[in-house]
N, C-alpha and C. Protein backbone atom coordinates (compact mmCIF):
# COMPACT_ATOMS: atom_id res chain seq x y z
N UNK A 1 -32.75 17.01 214.38
CA UNK A 1 -33.07 16.94 215.92
C UNK A 1 -31.50 17.61 216.61
N UNK A 2 -31.81 18.48 217.52
CA UNK A 2 -30.88 19.33 218.24
C UNK A 2 -30.35 18.33 219.49
N UNK A 3 -29.13 18.17 219.77
CA UNK A 3 -28.68 17.74 220.93
C UNK A 3 -29.08 18.33 222.46
N UNK A 4 -29.75 17.73 223.12
CA UNK A 4 -30.05 18.33 224.69
C UNK A 4 -28.81 19.05 225.29
N UNK A 5 -28.78 19.96 225.94
CA UNK A 5 -27.90 20.80 226.70
C UNK A 5 -28.06 21.01 228.09
N UNK A 6 -27.25 20.76 228.99
CA UNK A 6 -27.64 21.02 229.99
C UNK A 6 -28.27 22.49 230.67
N UNK A 7 -28.89 22.51 231.63
CA UNK A 7 -29.70 23.63 231.79
C UNK A 7 -28.59 24.76 232.19
N UNK A 8 -28.79 25.98 231.50
CA UNK A 8 -27.95 27.11 231.49
C UNK A 8 -26.95 27.46 230.45
N UNK A 9 -26.85 26.34 230.03
CA UNK A 9 -25.46 26.13 228.96
C UNK A 9 -26.17 26.25 227.56
N UNK A 10 -25.59 27.30 226.65
CA UNK A 10 -26.27 27.73 225.51
C UNK A 10 -26.44 26.41 224.22
N UNK A 11 -27.42 26.72 223.75
CA UNK A 11 -27.36 25.42 222.73
C UNK A 11 -26.18 25.37 221.52
N UNK A 12 -25.73 24.78 221.14
CA UNK A 12 -24.51 24.93 219.86
C UNK A 12 -25.29 25.52 218.96
N UNK A 13 -24.47 26.03 217.76
CA UNK A 13 -24.90 26.46 216.80
C UNK A 13 -25.70 25.56 215.83
N UNK A 14 -26.19 25.82 214.91
CA UNK A 14 -26.88 24.71 214.11
C UNK A 14 -25.56 24.43 212.88
N UNK A 15 -25.83 23.18 212.47
CA UNK A 15 -24.95 22.47 212.00
C UNK A 15 -25.04 23.08 210.50
N UNK A 16 -23.57 23.45 209.84
CA UNK A 16 -23.68 24.19 208.66
C UNK A 16 -22.58 23.15 207.83
N UNK A 17 -22.94 23.09 206.36
CA UNK A 17 -21.85 22.38 205.45
C UNK A 17 -21.13 23.18 204.93
N UNK A 18 -19.90 22.95 204.89
CA UNK A 18 -18.98 24.28 204.01
C UNK A 18 -18.09 23.40 203.28
N UNK A 19 -17.82 23.78 202.00
CA UNK A 19 -17.27 22.76 201.30
C UNK A 19 -15.66 22.72 201.71
N UNK A 20 -15.10 21.25 201.99
CA UNK A 20 -13.61 21.13 202.49
C UNK A 20 -12.54 21.68 201.10
N UNK A 21 -12.46 21.74 200.15
CA UNK A 21 -11.84 21.87 199.14
C UNK A 21 -11.83 23.33 198.59
N UNK A 22 -12.97 24.08 199.39
CA UNK A 22 -13.00 25.36 199.14
C UNK A 22 -13.68 25.80 197.35
N UNK A 23 -13.93 24.71 197.04
CA UNK A 23 -14.78 24.43 195.55
C UNK A 23 -16.25 24.13 195.82
N UNK A 24 -16.74 23.63 194.94
CA UNK A 24 -18.34 23.39 194.91
C UNK A 24 -18.66 22.56 195.88
N UNK A 25 -19.67 22.60 196.20
CA UNK A 25 -20.25 22.07 197.46
C UNK A 25 -20.19 20.15 196.95
N UNK A 26 -20.24 19.84 195.67
CA UNK A 26 -20.24 18.52 195.06
C UNK A 26 -18.78 18.20 195.26
N UNK A 27 -17.94 18.91 195.68
CA UNK A 27 -16.61 18.57 195.35
C UNK A 27 -16.32 17.63 196.59
N UNK A 28 -16.80 17.80 198.08
CA UNK A 28 -16.48 17.21 199.14
C UNK A 28 -17.13 17.97 200.23
N UNK A 29 -18.16 17.53 200.88
CA UNK A 29 -18.73 18.56 202.08
C UNK A 29 -18.22 17.97 203.41
N UNK A 30 -17.85 18.81 204.15
CA UNK A 30 -17.33 18.42 205.65
C UNK A 30 -18.80 19.31 206.59
N UNK A 31 -19.34 18.37 207.39
CA UNK A 31 -20.08 18.89 208.22
C UNK A 31 -19.46 19.69 209.67
N UNK A 32 -19.49 21.03 209.56
CA UNK A 32 -19.02 21.61 210.51
C UNK A 32 -19.74 22.26 211.51
N UNK A 33 -19.61 22.08 212.96
CA UNK A 33 -20.52 22.94 213.76
C UNK A 33 -19.49 24.01 214.31
N UNK A 34 -19.92 25.30 214.34
CA UNK A 34 -19.10 26.41 214.81
C UNK A 34 -19.54 26.79 216.57
N UNK A 35 -18.71 26.73 217.40
CA UNK A 35 -18.86 27.48 218.64
C UNK A 35 -17.98 28.34 218.83
N UNK A 36 -18.66 29.55 218.38
CA UNK A 36 -17.82 31.07 218.78
C UNK A 36 -16.48 30.48 217.97
N UNK A 37 -15.17 30.87 218.31
CA UNK A 37 -14.04 30.84 217.47
C UNK A 37 -13.50 29.36 217.37
N UNK A 38 -14.20 28.27 218.12
CA UNK A 38 -14.09 27.15 217.89
C UNK A 38 -14.98 26.50 217.22
N UNK A 39 -14.14 25.41 216.12
CA UNK A 39 -15.16 24.72 215.30
C UNK A 39 -15.08 23.24 215.80
N UNK A 40 -16.22 22.50 215.62
CA UNK A 40 -16.20 21.10 215.57
C UNK A 40 -16.25 20.04 214.39
N UNK A 41 -15.51 18.96 214.38
CA UNK A 41 -15.36 18.09 213.25
C UNK A 41 -15.55 16.88 213.85
N UNK A 42 -16.46 16.04 212.89
CA UNK A 42 -16.72 14.73 213.49
C UNK A 42 -15.71 13.55 213.31
N UNK A 43 -15.47 12.45 214.02
CA UNK A 43 -14.40 11.92 213.79
C UNK A 43 -14.16 11.54 212.45
N UNK A 44 -15.73 11.24 211.90
CA UNK A 44 -15.54 10.35 210.43
C UNK A 44 -14.83 11.61 209.48
N UNK A 45 -15.17 12.86 209.71
CA UNK A 45 -14.80 13.90 208.64
C UNK A 45 -13.06 14.11 208.97
N UNK A 46 -12.75 13.85 210.23
CA UNK A 46 -11.36 14.09 210.75
C UNK A 46 -10.55 12.91 209.79
N UNK A 47 -11.28 11.70 209.66
CA UNK A 47 -10.38 10.79 208.98
C UNK A 47 -10.54 11.08 207.84
N UNK A 48 -11.78 11.25 207.07
CA UNK A 48 -11.63 11.59 205.51
C UNK A 48 -10.82 12.99 204.92
N UNK A 49 -10.93 13.82 206.07
CA UNK A 49 -10.28 15.35 205.70
C UNK A 49 -9.10 15.65 206.75
N UNK A 50 -8.31 14.76 207.25
CA UNK A 50 -7.62 15.16 208.30
C UNK A 50 -6.52 16.34 208.08
N UNK A 51 -6.00 15.95 206.75
CA UNK A 51 -5.05 17.12 206.25
C UNK A 51 -5.71 18.47 206.10
N UNK A 52 -6.66 18.75 205.89
CA UNK A 52 -7.38 20.15 205.78
C UNK A 52 -7.84 20.54 207.27
N UNK A 53 -8.19 19.66 208.24
CA UNK A 53 -8.11 20.13 209.30
C UNK A 53 -7.13 20.28 210.13
N UNK A 54 -6.16 19.69 209.72
CA UNK A 54 -4.75 20.05 210.36
C UNK A 54 -4.06 21.19 209.99
N UNK A 55 -4.57 21.66 208.62
CA UNK A 55 -4.22 23.01 207.95
C UNK A 55 -4.94 24.08 208.59
N UNK A 56 -6.04 23.72 208.76
CA UNK A 56 -6.74 25.01 209.72
C UNK A 56 -6.23 25.04 211.03
N UNK A 57 -5.96 24.02 211.87
CA UNK A 57 -5.21 24.29 213.02
C UNK A 57 -3.81 24.89 212.99
N UNK A 58 -3.23 24.62 212.07
CA UNK A 58 -1.90 25.29 211.52
C UNK A 58 -2.04 26.90 211.57
N UNK A 59 -3.25 27.33 211.19
CA UNK A 59 -3.63 28.65 210.89
C UNK A 59 -4.04 29.40 211.85
N UNK A 60 -4.06 28.23 213.24
CA UNK A 60 -4.38 29.22 214.56
C UNK A 60 -5.77 28.84 214.73
N UNK A 61 -6.74 27.91 214.29
CA UNK A 61 -7.89 27.58 214.47
C UNK A 61 -7.79 26.57 215.37
N UNK A 62 -8.77 26.30 216.27
CA UNK A 62 -9.15 25.28 217.24
C UNK A 62 -10.32 24.39 216.75
N UNK A 63 -10.09 23.04 217.18
CA UNK A 63 -11.03 22.33 216.39
C UNK A 63 -11.32 21.56 217.51
N UNK A 64 -12.80 21.26 217.63
CA UNK A 64 -13.39 20.36 218.73
C UNK A 64 -13.62 19.00 217.75
N UNK A 65 -13.17 18.01 218.31
CA UNK A 65 -13.52 16.48 217.42
C UNK A 65 -14.75 16.05 218.23
N UNK A 66 -15.68 15.69 217.43
CA UNK A 66 -17.12 15.15 218.21
C UNK A 66 -17.10 13.51 217.89
N UNK A 67 -17.78 12.68 218.83
CA UNK A 67 -18.29 11.51 218.20
C UNK A 67 -19.63 11.56 218.66
N UNK A 68 -20.54 10.84 217.54
CA UNK A 68 -21.92 11.01 218.07
C UNK A 68 -22.61 12.47 218.39
N UNK A 69 -22.11 13.59 217.88
CA UNK A 69 -22.11 14.81 218.41
C UNK A 69 -21.86 15.35 219.70
N UNK A 70 -21.05 14.78 220.30
CA UNK A 70 -20.60 14.91 221.61
C UNK A 70 -19.10 15.28 221.58
N UNK A 71 -18.48 16.30 222.18
CA UNK A 71 -16.96 16.58 221.95
C UNK A 71 -16.15 15.54 222.63
N UNK A 72 -15.09 15.10 222.17
CA UNK A 72 -14.19 14.17 222.83
C UNK A 72 -12.92 14.77 222.70
N UNK A 73 -12.41 15.40 221.99
CA UNK A 73 -11.33 15.95 221.99
C UNK A 73 -11.05 17.51 221.44
N UNK A 74 -9.93 17.97 221.60
CA UNK A 74 -9.87 19.39 220.71
C UNK A 74 -8.36 19.29 220.29
N UNK A 75 -8.10 19.81 218.79
CA UNK A 75 -6.83 20.35 218.47
C UNK A 75 -6.62 21.70 218.28
N UNK A 76 -5.52 21.96 218.82
CA UNK A 76 -5.07 23.38 218.85
C UNK A 76 -3.84 23.65 218.66
N UNK A 77 -3.15 24.67 217.80
CA UNK A 77 -2.03 25.18 217.38
C UNK A 77 -0.76 25.11 218.29
N UNK A 78 -0.03 24.65 218.36
CA UNK A 78 1.05 24.29 219.30
C UNK A 78 1.40 25.77 219.23
N UNK A 79 2.08 26.31 220.61
CA UNK A 79 2.54 27.65 221.01
C UNK A 79 4.30 27.77 220.76
N UNK A 80 4.58 28.54 219.96
CA UNK A 80 6.07 28.64 219.87
C UNK A 80 6.51 29.98 220.46
N UNK A 81 7.62 29.45 221.25
CA UNK A 81 8.26 30.55 222.27
C UNK A 81 9.46 31.01 221.79
N UNK A 82 9.68 32.07 221.33
CA UNK A 82 11.11 32.73 220.89
C UNK A 82 11.82 32.77 222.31
N UNK A 83 13.15 32.34 221.96
CA UNK A 83 13.88 32.46 223.15
C UNK A 83 15.04 33.11 222.71
N UNK A 84 15.47 34.20 223.30
CA UNK A 84 16.11 35.14 222.71
C UNK A 84 17.80 35.24 223.54
N UNK A 85 18.65 35.25 223.26
CA UNK A 85 19.90 35.60 223.70
C UNK A 85 19.92 36.12 224.85
N UNK A 86 19.52 37.17 225.24
CA UNK A 86 19.05 37.90 226.41
C UNK A 86 18.32 36.82 227.60
N UNK A 87 17.16 36.25 227.18
CA UNK A 87 16.64 35.56 228.04
C UNK A 87 17.58 34.32 228.36
N UNK A 88 18.40 33.47 227.48
CA UNK A 88 19.25 33.03 227.86
C UNK A 88 20.18 33.21 228.86
N UNK A 89 20.90 34.45 228.62
CA UNK A 89 22.00 34.81 229.80
C UNK A 89 21.20 35.11 231.06
N UNK A 90 20.34 35.59 230.99
CA UNK A 90 19.33 36.04 232.35
C UNK A 90 19.10 34.67 232.94
N UNK A 91 18.67 33.54 232.31
CA UNK A 91 18.45 32.21 233.03
C UNK A 91 20.06 31.41 233.51
N UNK A 92 20.76 31.73 232.81
CA UNK A 92 22.37 31.13 233.08
C UNK A 92 22.57 31.86 234.30
N UNK A 93 22.46 33.07 234.66
CA UNK A 93 23.03 33.77 235.78
C UNK A 93 21.94 33.29 236.95
N UNK A 94 21.21 32.92 236.82
CA UNK A 94 20.30 32.63 237.60
C UNK A 94 20.56 31.24 238.25
N UNK A 95 21.25 30.43 237.62
CA UNK A 95 21.82 28.90 238.24
C UNK A 95 22.71 29.00 239.06
N UNK A 96 22.77 27.88 240.02
CA UNK A 96 23.57 27.62 240.99
C UNK A 96 25.18 27.47 240.40
N UNK A 97 26.35 27.93 241.17
CA UNK A 97 27.67 27.76 240.77
C UNK A 97 27.79 26.36 240.85
N UNK A 98 28.70 25.80 239.78
CA UNK A 98 29.05 24.26 239.93
C UNK A 98 30.71 23.89 240.22
N UNK A 99 31.05 23.30 240.78
CA UNK A 99 32.10 22.95 241.13
C UNK A 99 32.56 21.78 240.41
N UNK A 100 33.35 22.15 239.50
CA UNK A 100 34.03 20.96 238.43
C UNK A 100 34.53 19.51 239.14
N UNK A 101 34.96 19.98 240.16
CA UNK A 101 35.69 18.54 240.64
C UNK A 101 34.61 17.70 241.31
N UNK A 102 33.86 18.35 241.95
CA UNK A 102 32.77 17.73 242.79
C UNK A 102 31.83 17.07 241.60
N UNK A 103 31.51 17.62 240.27
CA UNK A 103 30.74 17.25 239.07
C UNK A 103 31.45 16.03 238.61
N UNK A 104 32.61 16.03 238.37
CA UNK A 104 33.63 14.93 238.12
C UNK A 104 33.29 13.81 238.91
N UNK A 105 33.20 14.01 240.18
CA UNK A 105 33.23 12.83 241.24
C UNK A 105 32.13 12.26 241.31
N UNK A 106 30.89 12.90 240.87
CA UNK A 106 29.45 12.58 240.81
C UNK A 106 29.24 11.66 239.79
N UNK A 107 29.74 12.07 238.55
CA UNK A 107 29.60 11.54 237.18
C UNK A 107 30.68 10.12 237.21
N UNK A 108 31.64 10.05 237.90
CA UNK A 108 32.56 9.01 238.11
C UNK A 108 31.98 7.78 238.92
N UNK A 109 31.23 8.38 240.16
CA UNK A 109 30.56 7.47 240.79
C UNK A 109 29.42 6.72 240.20
N UNK A 110 28.71 7.29 239.51
CA UNK A 110 27.55 6.75 238.52
C UNK A 110 27.56 5.93 237.03
N UNK A 111 28.67 6.21 236.48
CA UNK A 111 28.92 5.82 235.41
C UNK A 111 30.13 4.62 235.51
N UNK A 112 29.84 3.46 234.66
CA UNK A 112 30.62 2.39 234.62
C UNK A 112 31.86 2.72 233.76
N UNK A 113 33.08 3.12 233.85
CA UNK A 113 34.15 3.32 233.05
C UNK A 113 34.45 2.04 232.15
N UNK A 114 33.98 0.87 232.79
CA UNK A 114 34.71 -0.38 231.92
C UNK A 114 34.13 -0.37 230.76
N UNK A 115 33.00 0.09 230.32
CA UNK A 115 32.54 -0.08 229.42
C UNK A 115 33.25 0.29 228.20
């Protein structure tokens, strides 16, 4: 039975069984639904094969987690940003000037030195 979709929304691709461990279908099968470049995994499969799902996400795949066939969450790889020395220097130049004496007064006003 296929899930009903709102009018104008494309129906999801049919469910396909894919071996989780890359071995035979008898070794452990995970039901995966593919929506273009995003695949969907049930909560049960996430619980049973979480490490495999996280490995797929780490390789750049986006995975939608489903409960009773409905999407409830999405896992996606973290974005990594490389900060170069030039970027740090440019950022530092855009900061306002700091008066060391005023900074020291502000710190002394807010910190209990008796500790």
